């Protein structure tokens, strides 16, 4: 509860404004999942291809 009160402006904006960063957050979570799967296996080139091709 203390955390919500300290960020009251952000919480209010998130609940009242018509736009959201939900789509961006979903992409970030997908990329983080791919990075965890690829850890220690291959280089940046393969990771980049997986990020671009995975849906």
PDB file of N, CA and C in Angstrom:
ATOM      1  N   UNK A   1       0.824  -1.188   0.000  1.00  0.00           N
ATOM      2  CA  UNK A   1       0.000   0.000   0.000  1.00  0.00           C
ATOM      3  C   UNK A   1       0.868   1.252   0.000  1.00  0.00           C
ATOM      4  N   UNK A   2       2.008   1.206   0.663  1.00  0.00           N
ATOM      5  CA  UNK A   2       2.898   2.368   0.685  1.00  0.00           C
ATOM      6  C   UNK A   2       3.417   2.659  -0.716  1.00  0.00           C
ATOM      7  N   UNK A   3       3.710   1.625  -1.487  1.00  0.00           N
ATOM      8  CA  UNK A   3       4.207   1.804  -2.850  1.00  0.00           C
ATOM      9  C   UNK A   3       3.197   2.479  -3.752  1.00  0.00           C
ATOM     10  N   UNK A   4       1.935   2.111  -3.600  1.00  0.00           N
ATOM     11  CA  UNK A   4       0.883   2.724  -4.417  1.00  0.00           C
ATOM     12  C   UNK A   4       0.719   4.189  -4.048  1.00  0.00           C
ATOM     13  N   UNK A   5       0.759   4.470  -2.763  1.00  0.00           N
ATOM     14  CA  UNK A   5       0.606   5.863  -2.334  1.00  0.00           C
ATOM     15  C   UNK A   5       1.769   6.724  -2.805  1.00  0.00           C
ATOM     16  N   UNK A   6       2.961   6.174  -2.821  1.00  0.00           N
ATOM     17  CA  UNK A   6       4.116   6.976  -3.257  1.00  0.00           C
ATOM     18  C   UNK A   6       4.083   7.239  -4.768  1.00  0.00           C
ATOM     19  N   UNK A   7       3.395   6.398  -5.520  1.00  0.00           N
ATOM     20  CA  UNK A   7       3.263   6.563  -6.970  1.00  0.00           C
ATOM     21  C   UNK A   7       1.831   6.923  -7.364  1.00  0.00           C
ATOM     22  N   UNK A   8       1.164   7.694  -6.542  1.00  0.00           N
ATOM     23  CA  UNK A   8      -0.245   8.002  -6.767  1.00  0.00           C
ATOM     24  C   UNK A   8      -0.488   8.655  -8.125  1.00  0.00           C
ATOM     25  N   UNK A   9       0.414   9.541  -8.552  1.00  0.00           N
ATOM     26  CA  UNK A   9       0.252  10.186  -9.861  1.00  0.00           C
ATOM     27  C   UNK A   9       0.300   9.192 -10.996  1.00  0.00           C
ATOM     28  N   UNK A  10       1.224   8.256 -10.946  1.00  0.00           N
ATOM     29  CA  UNK A  10       1.352   7.243 -11.996  1.00  0.00           C
ATOM     30  C   UNK A  10       0.160   6.301 -11.998  1.00  0.00           C
ATOM     31  N   UNK A  11      -0.309   5.920 -10.821  1.00  0.00           N
ATOM     32  CA  UNK A  11      -1.462   5.028 -10.733  1.00  0.00           C
ATOM     33  C   UNK A  11      -2.705   5.719 -11.290  1.00  0.00           C
ATOM     34  N   UNK A  12      -2.909   6.970 -10.921  1.00  0.00           N
ATOM     35  CA  UNK A  12      -4.052   7.729 -11.425  1.00  0.00           C
ATOM     36  C   UNK A  12      -3.999   7.860 -12.943  1.00  0.00           C
ATOM     37  N   UNK A  13      -2.818   8.186 -13.464  1.00  0.00           N
ATOM     38  CA  UNK A  13      -2.670   8.313 -14.913  1.00  0.00           C
ATOM     39  C   UNK A  13      -2.947   6.980 -15.604  1.00  0.00           C
ATOM     40  N   UNK A  14      -2.455   5.903 -15.040  1.00  0.00           N
ATOM     41  CA  UNK A  14      -2.664   4.589 -15.641  1.00  0.00           C
ATOM     42  C   UNK A  14      -4.114   4.170 -15.690  1.00  0.00           C
ATOM     43  N   UNK A  15      -4.882   4.626 -14.726  1.00  0.00           N
ATOM     44  CA  UNK A  15      -6.295   4.245 -14.679  1.00  0.00           C
ATOM     45  C   UNK A  15      -7.205   5.200 -15.442  1.00  0.00           C
ATOM     46  N   UNK A  16      -6.738   6.406 -15.736  1.00  0.00           N
ATOM     47  CA  UNK A  16      -7.630   7.393 -16.340  1.00  0.00           C
ATOM     48  C   UNK A  16      -7.278   7.765 -17.776  1.00  0.00           C
ATOM     49  N   UNK A  17      -6.031   7.632 -18.178  1.00  0.00           N
ATOM     50  CA  UNK A  17      -5.651   8.039 -19.530  1.00  0.00           C
ATOM     51  C   UNK A  17      -6.078   6.983 -20.549  1.00  0.00           C
ATOM     52  N   UNK A  18      -6.377   7.397 -21.770  1.00  0.00           N
ATOM     53  CA  UNK A  18      -6.888   6.450 -22.770  1.00  0.00           C
ATOM     54  C   UNK A  18      -5.821   5.569 -23.412  1.00  0.00           C
ATOM     55  N   UNK A  19      -4.546   5.850 -23.210  1.00  0.00           N
ATOM     56  CA  UNK A  19      -3.519   5.030 -23.854  1.00  0.00           C
ATOM     57  C   UNK A  19      -2.786   4.196 -22.820  1.00  0.00           C
ATOM     58  N   UNK A  20      -2.114   3.154 -23.310  1.00  0.00           N
ATOM     59  CA  UNK A  20      -1.474   2.190 -22.432  1.00  0.00           C
ATOM     60  C   UNK A  20      -0.164   1.722 -23.057  1.00  0.00           C
ATOM     61  N   UNK A  21       0.746   1.275 -22.224  1.00  0.00           N
ATOM     62  CA  UNK A  21       2.006   0.716 -22.716  1.00  0.00           C
ATOM     63  C   UNK A  21       1.967  -0.815 -22.682  1.00  0.00           C
ATOM     64  N   UNK A  22       0.770  -1.374 -22.630  1.00  0.00           N
ATOM     65  CA  UNK A  22       0.618  -2.827 -22.533  1.00  0.00           C
ATOM     66  C   UNK A  22       1.235  -3.578 -23.695  1.00  0.00           C
ATOM     67  N   UNK A  23       1.072  -3.064 -24.910  1.00  0.00           N
ATOM     68  CA  UNK A  23       1.635  -3.754 -26.082  1.00  0.00           C
ATOM     69  C   UNK A  23       3.154  -3.758 -26.036  1.00  0.00           C
ATOM     70  N   UNK A  24       3.733  -2.662 -25.611  1.00  0.00           N
ATOM     71  CA  UNK A  24       5.195  -2.575 -25.504  1.00  0.00           C
ATOM     72  C   UNK A  24       5.692  -3.531 -24.427  1.00  0.00           C
ATOM     73  N   UNK A  25       5.003  -3.565 -23.291  1.00  0.00           N
ATOM     74  CA  UNK A  25       5.407  -4.462 -22.208  1.00  0.00           C
ATOM     75  C   UNK A  25       5.343  -5.920 -22.653  1.00  0.00           C
ATOM     76  N   UNK A  26       4.350  -6.255 -23.464  1.00  0.00           N
ATOM     77  CA  UNK A  26       4.255  -7.624 -23.970  1.00  0.00           C
ATOM     78  C   UNK A  26       5.443  -7.986 -24.848  1.00  0.00           C
ATOM     79  N   UNK A  27       5.873  -7.051 -25.689  1.00  0.00           N
ATOM     80  CA  UNK A  27       7.044  -7.291 -26.541  1.00  0.00           C
ATOM     81  C   UNK A  27       8.302  -7.449 -25.695  1.00  0.00           C
ATOM     82  N   UNK A  28       8.442  -6.615 -24.662  1.00  0.00           N
ATOM     83  CA  UNK A  28       9.620  -6.691 -23.780  1.00  0.00           C
ATOM     84  C   UNK A  28       9.649  -8.054 -23.087  1.00  0.00           C
ATOM     85  N   UNK A  29       8.512  -8.522 -22.590  1.00  0.00           N
ATOM     86  CA  UNK A  29       8.460  -9.827 -21.933  1.00  0.00           C
ATOM     87  C   UNK A  29       8.802 -10.947 -22.903  1.00  0.00           C
ATOM     88  N   UNK A  30       8.345 -10.844 -24.156  1.00  0.00           N
ATOM     89  CA  UNK A  30       8.653 -11.869 -25.153  1.00  0.00           C
ATOM     90  C   UNK A  30      10.149 -11.909 -25.430  1.00  0.00           C
ATOM     91  N   UNK A  31      10.772 -10.741 -25.569  1.00  0.00           N
ATOM     92  CA  UNK A  31      12.210 -10.684 -25.844  1.00  0.00           C
ATOM     93  C   UNK A  31      13.006 -11.220 -24.656  1.00  0.00           C
ATOM     94  N   UNK A  32      12.595 -10.893 -23.443  1.00  0.00           N
ATOM     95  CA  UNK A  32      13.290 -11.405 -22.256  1.00  0.00           C
ATOM     96  C   UNK A  32      13.194 -12.922 -22.185  1.00  0.00           C
ATOM     97  N   UNK A  33      12.037 -13.482 -22.541  1.00  0.00           N
ATOM     98  CA  UNK A  33      11.877 -14.928 -22.550  1.00  0.00           C
ATOM     99  C   UNK A  33      12.829 -15.566 -23.565  1.00  0.00           C
ATOM    100  N   UNK A  34      12.918 -14.981 -24.762  1.00  0.00           N
ATOM    101  CA  UNK A  34      13.827 -15.506 -25.782  1.00  0.00           C
ATOM    102  C   UNK A  34      15.280 -15.419 -25.313  1.00  0.00           C
ATOM    103  N   UNK A  35      15.645 -14.321 -24.663  1.00  0.00           N
ATOM    104  CA  UNK A  35      17.015 -14.176 -24.164  1.00  0.00           C
ATOM    105  C   UNK A  35      17.326 -15.244 -23.125  1.00  0.00           C
ATOM    106  N   UNK A  36      16.358 -15.538 -22.238  1.00  0.00           N
ATOM    107  CA  UNK A  36      16.583 -16.582 -21.234  1.00  0.00           C
ATOM    108  C   UNK A  36      16.761 -17.939 -21.900  1.00  0.00           C
ATOM    109  N   UNK A  37      15.967 -18.219 -22.930  1.00  0.00           N
ATOM    110  CA  UNK A  37      16.076 -19.491 -23.628  1.00  0.00           C
ATOM    111  C   UNK A  37      17.411 -19.624 -24.343  1.00  0.00           C
ATOM    112  N   UNK A  38      17.936 -18.521 -24.851  1.00  0.00           N
ATOM    113  CA  UNK A  38      19.158 -18.551 -25.661  1.00  0.00           C
ATOM    114  C   UNK A  38      20.427 -18.399 -24.834  1.00  0.00           C
ATOM    115  N   UNK A  39      20.324 -18.131 -23.547  1.00  0.00           N
ATOM    116  CA  UNK A  39      21.500 -17.828 -22.729  1.00  0.00           C
ATOM    117  C   UNK A  39      22.560 -18.915 -22.840  1.00  0.00           C
ATOM    118  N   UNK A  40      23.765 -18.532 -23.233  1.00  0.00           N
ATOM    119  CA  UNK A  40      24.896 -19.445 -23.315  1.00  0.00           C
ATOM    120  C   UNK A  40      24.910 -20.325 -24.551  1.00  0.00           C
ATOM    121  N   UNK A  41      23.983 -20.177 -25.455  1.00  0.00           N
ATOM    122  CA  UNK A  41      23.900 -21.071 -26.608  1.00  0.00           C
ATOM    123  C   UNK A  41      24.522 -20.494 -27.868  1.00  0.00           C
ATOM    124  N   UNK A  42      24.233 -19.244 -28.149  1.00  0.00           N
ATOM    125  CA  UNK A  42      24.680 -18.683 -29.420  1.00  0.00           C
ATOM    126  C   UNK A  42      24.897 -17.183 -29.254  1.00  0.00           C
ATOM    127  N   UNK A  43      25.330 -16.565 -30.319  1.00  0.00           N
ATOM    128  CA  UNK A  43      25.640 -15.150 -30.280  1.00  0.00           C
ATOM    129  C   UNK A  43      24.443 -14.257 -30.566  1.00  0.00           C
ATOM    130  N   UNK A  44      24.741 -13.003 -30.706  1.00  0.00           N
ATOM    131  CA  UNK A  44      23.727 -11.978 -30.908  1.00  0.00           C
ATOM    132  C   UNK A  44      23.005 -12.156 -32.242  1.00  0.00           C
ATOM    133  N   UNK A  45      23.697 -12.647 -33.253  1.00  0.00           N
ATOM    134  CA  UNK A  45      23.068 -12.804 -34.574  1.00  0.00           C
ATOM    135  C   UNK A  45      21.877 -13.756 -34.528  1.00  0.00           C
ATOM    136  N   UNK A  46      22.057 -14.899 -33.877  1.00  0.00           N
ATOM    137  CA  UNK A  46      20.961 -15.861 -33.787  1.00  0.00           C
ATOM    138  C   UNK A  46      19.835 -15.328 -32.908  1.00  0.00           C
ATOM    139  N   UNK A  47      20.181 -14.664 -31.822  1.00  0.00           N
ATOM    140  CA  UNK A  47      19.161 -14.065 -30.961  1.00  0.00           C
ATOM    141  C   UNK A  47      18.347 -13.050 -31.736  1.00  0.00           C
ATOM    142  N   UNK A  48      19.005 -12.231 -32.536  1.00  0.00           N
ATOM    143  CA  UNK A  48      18.305 -11.224 -33.346  1.00  0.00           C
ATOM    144  C   UNK A  48      17.328 -11.887 -34.314  1.00  0.00           C
ATOM    145  N   UNK A  49      17.752 -12.960 -34.959  1.00  0.00           N
ATOM    146  CA  UNK A  49      16.873 -13.675 -35.885  1.00  0.00           C
ATOM    147  C   UNK A  49      15.665 -14.267 -35.152  1.00  0.00           C
ATOM    148  N   UNK A  50      15.888 -14.821 -33.986  1.00  0.00           N
ATOM    149  CA  UNK A  50      14.780 -15.398 -33.226  1.00  0.00           C
ATOM    150  C   UNK A  50      13.793 -14.331 -32.796  1.00  0.00           C
ATOM    151  N   UNK A  51      14.295 -13.156 -32.410  1.00  0.00           N
ATOM    152  CA  UNK A  51      13.409 -12.072 -31.986  1.00  0.00           C
ATOM    153  C   UNK A  51      12.568 -11.605 -33.160  1.00  0.00           C
ATOM    154  N   UNK A  52      13.191 -11.472 -34.329  1.00  0.00           N
ATOM    155  CA  UNK A  52      12.463 -10.981 -35.488  1.00  0.00           C
ATOM    156  C   UNK A  52      11.485 -12.000 -36.059  1.00  0.00           C
ATOM    157  N   UNK A  53      11.793 -13.291 -35.929  1.00  0.00           N
ATOM    158  CA  UNK A  53      10.954 -14.310 -36.537  1.00  0.00           C
ATOM    159  C   UNK A  53       9.922 -14.898 -35.600  1.00  0.00           C
ATOM    160  N   UNK A  54      10.145 -14.823 -34.283  1.00  0.00           N
ATOM    161  CA  UNK A  54       9.230 -15.426 -33.320  1.00  0.00           C
ATOM    162  C   UNK A  54       7.949 -14.606 -33.216  1.00  0.00           C
ATOM    163  N   UNK A  55       6.847 -15.275 -33.157  1.00  0.00           N
ATOM    164  CA  UNK A  55       5.547 -14.597 -32.988  1.00  0.00           C
ATOM    165  C   UNK A  55       4.726 -15.322 -31.987  1.00  0.00           C
TER     166      UNK A  55
END
